[in-house]
Amino acid sequence: MSEATFEPPRRGAWRARVARRTAGSLVVNAVIALFALFPILWGLSTSLKPKDEIVAYPPRLLPSAVTFEHYMRVFNDSVGHYILNSTIVTAAAIVLTLAAGALGGYALARFQFRGRGMAMVFIVGVMSIPIASLLVPTYSTLSVLGLLNTRTGLVLLYTAYQLPIVIWTLYGYFLSLPVELEQAARIDGYSSSRVLWRIVLPLSKPGLVAAALFVAVFSWNDFVVAVTMTSSESVRTLPVAIYNYLGFYGREWGPLLAASIISIIPIVAGFLFLQRYFVSGLTGGGTKG
């Protein structure tokens, strides 16, 4: 009786299987990306259509003639002022939240003190509270402090709302850093604050970027808090300005979608530019904890 011999698969057949799997993955990813991006692409297309073509039936995916009249209308409505307000509020909220979050996250990651466990439970619990349930007490608080209808009030609220998730994100990332570097710096005479600013934070750029993007997305896109806490057009942000195109007697779809496309450009650009840091910042704290 002859023994069965094992024949390894041919190299050509193996390459064909790999190619089929790769092609299948590309097709699936392309379909998912198309479904995810279709609303944005449709909004971009509609913002470039003439007014009469927007409401035409059956609808067309691409405009017959590209027009920028809706974008001109938006900028004539002083959208630049609302963009400036959103930029100021978002930038200030990022700076304050990262400054406070870095101190809180570093204290939780490196120091043992009474109440540390309760503090961590409190931070996680606060993250689960819906922001809508906090509107009434925060409105009353800002009214007492005289900060209603001010950019300062919005900055303080955005900082308070996003501080727990920033502390938690940085806490996990600080844990992943080798403590030996900090111990060596202390031997050289560095204080705890100097270790944080000169050693820890420069090594935590991905974690800081991830936390900053969390704050930026919330602060830039927020509508509910901004429309509740402000009443003057001089301090209102871009999402509130977009809502103005949803009139009582109809919707101005062209300017509405043009302003929406303008509003998402900074966030999309930020994610594309900082994507590498964002991904590593989210996963950096996964090795310890």
Protein backbone atom coordinates (compact mmCIF):
# COMPACT_ATOMS: atom_id res chain seq x y z
CA MET A 1 0.00 0.00 0.00
CA SER A 2 1.48 3.30 -1.02
CA GLU A 3 1.55 6.09 1.51
CA ALA A 4 -0.36 9.28 0.74
CA THR A 5 1.93 12.13 -0.01
CA PHE A 6 1.26 15.72 1.09
CA GLU A 7 1.36 18.25 -1.72
CA PRO A 8 1.67 21.89 -0.65
CA PRO A 9 -0.70 24.28 -2.38
CA ARG A 10 0.66 25.90 -5.43
CA ARG A 11 1.96 29.41 -5.06
CA GLY A 12 -0.31 30.64 -7.83
CA ALA A 13 -3.43 29.23 -6.13
CA TRP A 14 -2.43 30.81 -2.80
CA ARG A 15 -1.94 34.19 -4.44
CA ALA A 16 -5.33 33.89 -6.15
CA ARG A 17 -7.05 33.22 -2.80
CA VAL A 18 -5.33 36.20 -1.21
CA ALA A 19 -6.30 38.39 -4.15
CA ARG A 20 -9.96 37.29 -3.90
CA ARG A 21 -10.03 38.00 -0.16
CA THR A 22 -8.43 41.41 -0.67
CA ALA A 23 -10.89 42.28 -3.43
CA GLY A 24 -13.81 41.16 -1.28
CA SER A 25 -12.61 43.31 1.63
CA LEU A 26 -12.20 46.31 -0.65
CA VAL A 27 -15.73 45.90 -2.02
CA VAL A 28 -17.25 45.59 1.45
CA ASN A 29 -15.32 48.62 2.73
CA ALA A 30 -16.29 50.63 -0.35
CA VAL A 31 -19.98 49.85 0.17
CA ILE A 32 -19.80 50.81 3.86
CA ALA A 33 -17.95 54.04 3.01
CA LEU A 34 -20.53 54.87 0.34
CA PHE A 35 -23.41 54.46 2.78
CA ALA A 36 -21.59 56.57 5.38
CA LEU A 37 -20.59 59.35 2.98
CA PHE A 38 -23.73 59.47 0.85
CA PRO A 39 -25.58 62.06 3.03
CA ILE A 40 -22.55 64.36 2.91
CA LEU A 41 -22.11 63.90 -0.84
CA TRP A 42 -25.82 64.53 -1.40
CA GLY A 43 -25.65 67.68 0.73
CA LEU A 44 -22.61 68.91 -1.19
CA SER A 45 -24.32 68.23 -4.52
CA THR A 46 -27.51 69.98 -3.42
CA SER A 47 -25.61 73.01 -2.19
CA LEU A 48 -24.21 73.44 -5.72
CA LYS A 49 -27.58 73.15 -7.49
CA PRO A 50 -29.70 76.09 -8.70
CA LYS A 51 -32.69 76.85 -6.50
CA ASP A 52 -35.31 75.42 -8.88
CA GLU A 53 -33.34 72.20 -9.33
CA ILE A 54 -33.19 71.48 -5.59
CA VAL A 55 -36.93 70.80 -5.38
CA ALA A 56 -37.22 69.17 -8.80
CA TYR A 57 -38.78 65.72 -9.05
CA PRO A 58 -37.39 63.20 -9.66
CA PRO A 59 -34.27 64.41 -7.84
CA ARG A 60 -30.92 64.35 -9.58
CA LEU A 61 -27.71 63.32 -7.88
CA LEU A 62 -25.52 65.78 -9.76
CA PRO A 63 -26.41 69.38 -10.63
CA SER A 64 -26.94 70.18 -14.28
CA ALA A 65 -25.08 73.46 -13.76
CA VAL A 66 -22.85 74.15 -10.76
CA THR A 67 -23.67 77.38 -8.95
CA PHE A 68 -22.16 79.01 -5.86
CA GLU A 69 -25.10 81.32 -5.21
CA HIS A 70 -25.99 79.56 -1.97
CA TYR A 71 -22.45 79.93 -0.62
CA MET A 72 -22.47 83.61 -1.59
CA ARG A 73 -25.78 84.01 0.22
CA VAL A 74 -24.36 82.39 3.34
CA PHE A 75 -21.32 84.66 3.42
CA ASN A 76 -23.53 87.68 2.75
CA ASP A 77 -25.44 86.66 5.88
CA SER A 78 -22.23 87.21 7.90
CA VAL A 79 -21.48 83.54 8.42
CA GLY A 80 -17.87 84.56 8.98
CA HIS A 81 -18.90 86.18 12.28
CA TYR A 82 -20.48 82.93 13.49
CA ILE A 83 -17.43 80.96 12.38
CA LEU A 84 -15.26 83.34 14.41
CA ASN A 85 -17.45 82.83 17.48
CA SER A 86 -17.28 79.05 17.10
CA THR A 87 -13.51 79.19 16.63
CA ILE A 88 -12.96 81.31 19.73
CA VAL A 89 -15.24 79.20 21.91
CA THR A 90 -13.82 75.90 20.65
CA ALA A 91 -10.17 76.94 20.98
CA ALA A 92 -10.69 78.32 24.49
CA ALA A 93 -12.57 75.19 25.58
CA ILE A 94 -9.78 72.96 24.24
CA VAL A 95 -7.07 74.88 26.11
CA LEU A 96 -8.95 74.97 29.43
CA THR A 97 -10.09 71.35 29.23
CA LEU A 98 -6.65 69.99 28.35
CA ALA A 99 -4.98 72.04 31.09
CA ALA A 100 -7.37 70.84 33.79
CA GLY A 101 -7.66 67.32 32.32
CA ALA A 102 -3.89 66.84 32.24
CA LEU A 103 -3.60 67.72 35.93
CA GLY A 104 -6.51 65.49 36.90
CA GLY A 105 -5.46 62.57 34.73
CA TYR A 106 -1.86 62.70 35.94
CA ALA A 107 -2.92 62.84 39.60
CA LEU A 108 -5.13 59.77 39.16
CA ALA A 109 -2.50 57.86 37.20
CA ARG A 110 0.54 58.50 39.40
CA PHE A 111 -0.57 59.35 42.94
CA GLN A 112 -2.29 57.30 45.63
CA PHE A 113 -4.55 59.39 47.85
CA ARG A 114 -7.68 58.98 49.91
CA GLY A 115 -10.80 59.10 47.77
CA ARG A 116 -9.00 58.23 44.53
CA GLY A 117 -11.34 55.32 43.79
CA MET A 118 -14.42 57.43 44.50
CA ALA A 119 -13.09 60.16 42.25
CA MET A 120 -12.72 57.71 39.37
CA VAL A 121 -16.23 56.36 39.93
CA PHE A 122 -17.56 59.92 40.02
CA ILE A 123 -15.83 60.78 36.72
CA VAL A 124 -17.30 57.73 34.99
CA GLY A 125 -20.74 58.49 36.45
CA VAL A 126 -20.67 62.10 35.27
CA MET A 127 -19.91 60.97 31.71
CA SER A 128 -23.19 59.03 31.69
CA ILE A 129 -25.38 62.04 32.57
CA PRO A 130 -27.31 63.41 29.55
CA ILE A 131 -26.41 67.01 28.85
CA ALA A 132 -30.06 67.90 28.26
CA SER A 133 -30.82 67.12 31.91
CA LEU A 134 -28.23 69.72 32.98
CA LEU A 135 -29.58 72.64 30.94
CA VAL A 136 -31.90 74.05 33.61
CA PRO A 137 -29.40 74.06 36.52
CA THR A 138 -26.59 75.37 34.30
CA TYR A 139 -28.87 78.08 32.93
CA SER A 140 -29.68 79.17 36.48
CA THR A 141 -26.00 79.09 37.44
CA LEU A 142 -24.91 81.22 34.48
CA SER A 143 -27.75 83.64 35.19
CA VAL A 144 -26.57 84.13 38.78
CA LEU A 145 -22.96 84.59 37.63
CA GLY A 146 -23.95 87.04 34.91
CA LEU A 147 -22.51 84.84 32.18
CA LEU A 148 -25.66 84.21 30.14
CA ASN A 149 -25.40 85.26 26.50
CA THR A 150 -21.58 85.38 26.62
CA ARG A 151 -18.84 83.41 24.95
CA THR A 152 -17.21 82.98 28.36
CA GLY A 153 -20.28 81.15 29.63
CA LEU A 154 -20.22 78.77 26.68
CA VAL A 155 -16.50 78.09 27.16
CA LEU A 156 -16.99 77.26 30.84
CA LEU A 157 -19.92 74.96 30.09
CA TYR A 158 -18.11 73.11 27.31
CA THR A 159 -15.09 72.72 29.58
CA ALA A 160 -17.22 71.32 32.40
CA TYR A 161 -19.11 68.95 30.09
CA GLN A 162 -15.99 67.54 28.42
CA LEU A 163 -13.59 67.52 31.36
CA PRO A 164 -14.55 64.01 32.63
CA ILE A 165 -13.90 62.27 29.29
CA VAL A 166 -10.63 64.19 28.85
CA ILE A 167 -9.45 63.19 32.33
CA TRP A 168 -10.36 59.57 31.65
CA THR A 169 -8.63 59.56 28.25
CA LEU A 170 -5.42 61.11 29.57
CA TYR A 171 -5.48 58.92 32.68
CA GLY A 172 -5.35 55.81 30.51
CA TYR A 173 -2.61 57.25 28.32
CA PHE A 174 -0.46 58.38 31.26
CA LEU A 175 -0.64 54.84 32.66
CA SER A 176 0.92 53.51 29.45
CA LEU A 177 4.02 55.70 29.82
CA PRO A 178 7.07 54.15 31.53
CA VAL A 179 7.27 55.48 35.08
CA GLU A 180 11.06 55.01 35.04
CA LEU A 181 11.46 58.20 32.99
CA GLU A 182 9.68 60.21 35.66
CA GLN A 183 11.69 58.58 38.43
CA ALA A 184 14.91 59.47 36.64
CA ALA A 185 13.75 63.07 36.28
CA ARG A 186 12.94 63.28 39.99
CA ILE A 187 16.42 61.99 40.80
CA ASP A 188 17.73 64.94 38.77
CA GLY A 189 15.72 67.28 40.98
CA TYR A 190 12.51 67.74 38.95
CA SER A 191 9.35 68.52 40.90
CA SER A 192 6.07 66.74 40.11
CA SER A 193 4.77 69.71 38.13
CA ARG A 194 7.99 69.98 36.15
CA VAL A 195 7.93 66.25 35.43
CA LEU A 196 4.42 66.66 34.06
CA TRP A 197 5.16 69.63 31.80
CA ARG A 198 8.68 68.67 30.68
CA ILE A 199 8.53 64.87 30.52
CA VAL A 200 4.99 63.49 30.52
CA LEU A 201 3.12 65.92 28.28
CA PRO A 202 5.69 65.92 25.42
CA LEU A 203 5.43 62.11 25.38
CA SER A 204 1.62 62.26 25.49
CA LYS A 205 1.01 64.11 22.23
CA PRO A 206 -1.28 61.38 20.78
CA GLY A 207 -3.38 61.29 23.95
CA LEU A 208 -3.62 65.08 24.03
CA VAL A 209 -4.64 65.18 20.38
CA ALA A 210 -7.35 62.56 20.94
CA ALA A 211 -8.70 64.47 23.93
CA ALA A 212 -8.55 67.77 22.03
CA LEU A 213 -10.53 66.29 19.15
CA PHE A 214 -13.24 65.10 21.54
CA VAL A 215 -13.59 68.64 22.89
CA ALA A 216 -13.39 70.22 19.44
CA VAL A 217 -16.15 68.04 17.95
CA PHE A 218 -18.50 68.71 20.85
CA SER A 219 -17.83 72.44 21.10
CA TRP A 220 -17.92 73.09 17.36
CA ASN A 221 -21.07 71.06 16.66
CA ASP A 222 -23.08 71.87 19.79
CA PHE A 223 -26.49 73.37 19.14
CA VAL A 224 -28.64 72.69 22.20
CA VAL A 225 -26.41 74.39 24.75
CA ALA A 226 -25.55 77.32 22.47
CA VAL A 227 -29.15 78.09 21.52
CA THR A 228 -30.26 77.81 25.16
CA MET A 229 -27.55 79.92 26.74
CA THR A 230 -27.34 82.68 24.12
CA SER A 231 -29.93 85.08 22.74
CA SER A 232 -27.83 87.65 20.88
CA GLU A 233 -26.61 87.13 17.34
CA SER A 234 -23.29 88.71 18.29
CA VAL A 235 -22.26 85.72 20.44
CA ARG A 236 -24.07 82.83 18.78
CA THR A 237 -22.10 80.08 17.13
CA LEU A 238 -22.27 78.49 13.68
CA PRO A 239 -24.75 75.64 14.44
CA VAL A 240 -27.29 78.20 15.70
CA ALA A 241 -26.77 80.29 12.56
CA ILE A 242 -27.47 77.22 10.41
CA TYR A 243 -30.76 76.71 12.23
CA ASN A 244 -31.88 80.17 11.09
CA TYR A 245 -32.41 78.77 7.59
CA LEU A 246 -35.17 76.49 8.94
CA GLY A 247 -37.87 79.16 8.80
CA PHE A 248 -41.45 78.93 10.01
CA TYR A 249 -42.84 79.18 6.47
CA GLY A 250 -40.31 76.96 4.72
CA ARG A 251 -36.80 75.65 4.46
CA GLU A 252 -34.05 77.36 2.51
CA TRP A 253 -32.35 74.15 1.47
CA GLY A 254 -29.60 75.72 -0.62
CA PRO A 255 -28.15 78.06 2.04
CA LEU A 256 -28.88 75.49 4.76
CA LEU A 257 -26.78 72.80 3.08
CA ALA A 258 -24.10 75.27 2.01
CA ALA A 259 -23.68 76.40 5.63
CA SER A 260 -23.68 72.77 6.78
CA ILE A 261 -20.90 71.85 4.35
CA ILE A 262 -18.88 74.85 5.54
CA SER A 263 -19.37 73.78 9.16
CA ILE A 264 -18.03 70.25 8.68
CA ILE A 265 -14.88 71.25 6.76
CA PRO A 266 -12.76 72.19 9.84
CA ILE A 267 -13.66 69.01 11.75
CA VAL A 268 -13.06 66.72 8.77
CA ALA A 269 -9.78 68.46 7.99
CA GLY A 270 -8.70 68.15 11.61
CA PHE A 271 -9.43 64.43 11.71
CA LEU A 272 -7.64 63.79 8.42
CA PHE A 273 -4.60 65.78 9.49
CA LEU A 274 -4.41 64.30 13.01
CA GLN A 275 -5.75 60.82 12.30
CA ARG A 276 -2.49 59.06 13.17
CA TYR A 277 -2.28 60.77 16.57
CA PHE A 278 -5.98 60.24 17.25
CA VAL A 279 -5.88 56.47 16.72
CA SER A 280 -2.70 55.98 18.75
CA GLY A 281 -4.07 58.27 21.46
CA LEU A 282 -7.20 56.18 21.87
CA THR A 283 -5.32 52.87 21.92
CA GLY A 284 -2.27 54.06 23.89
CA GLY A 285 -3.87 53.39 27.24
CA GLY A 286 -4.98 49.88 26.38
CA THR A 287 -1.83 48.14 27.59
CA LYS A 288 -2.13 49.16 31.24
CA GLY A 289 -4.93 50.13 33.55
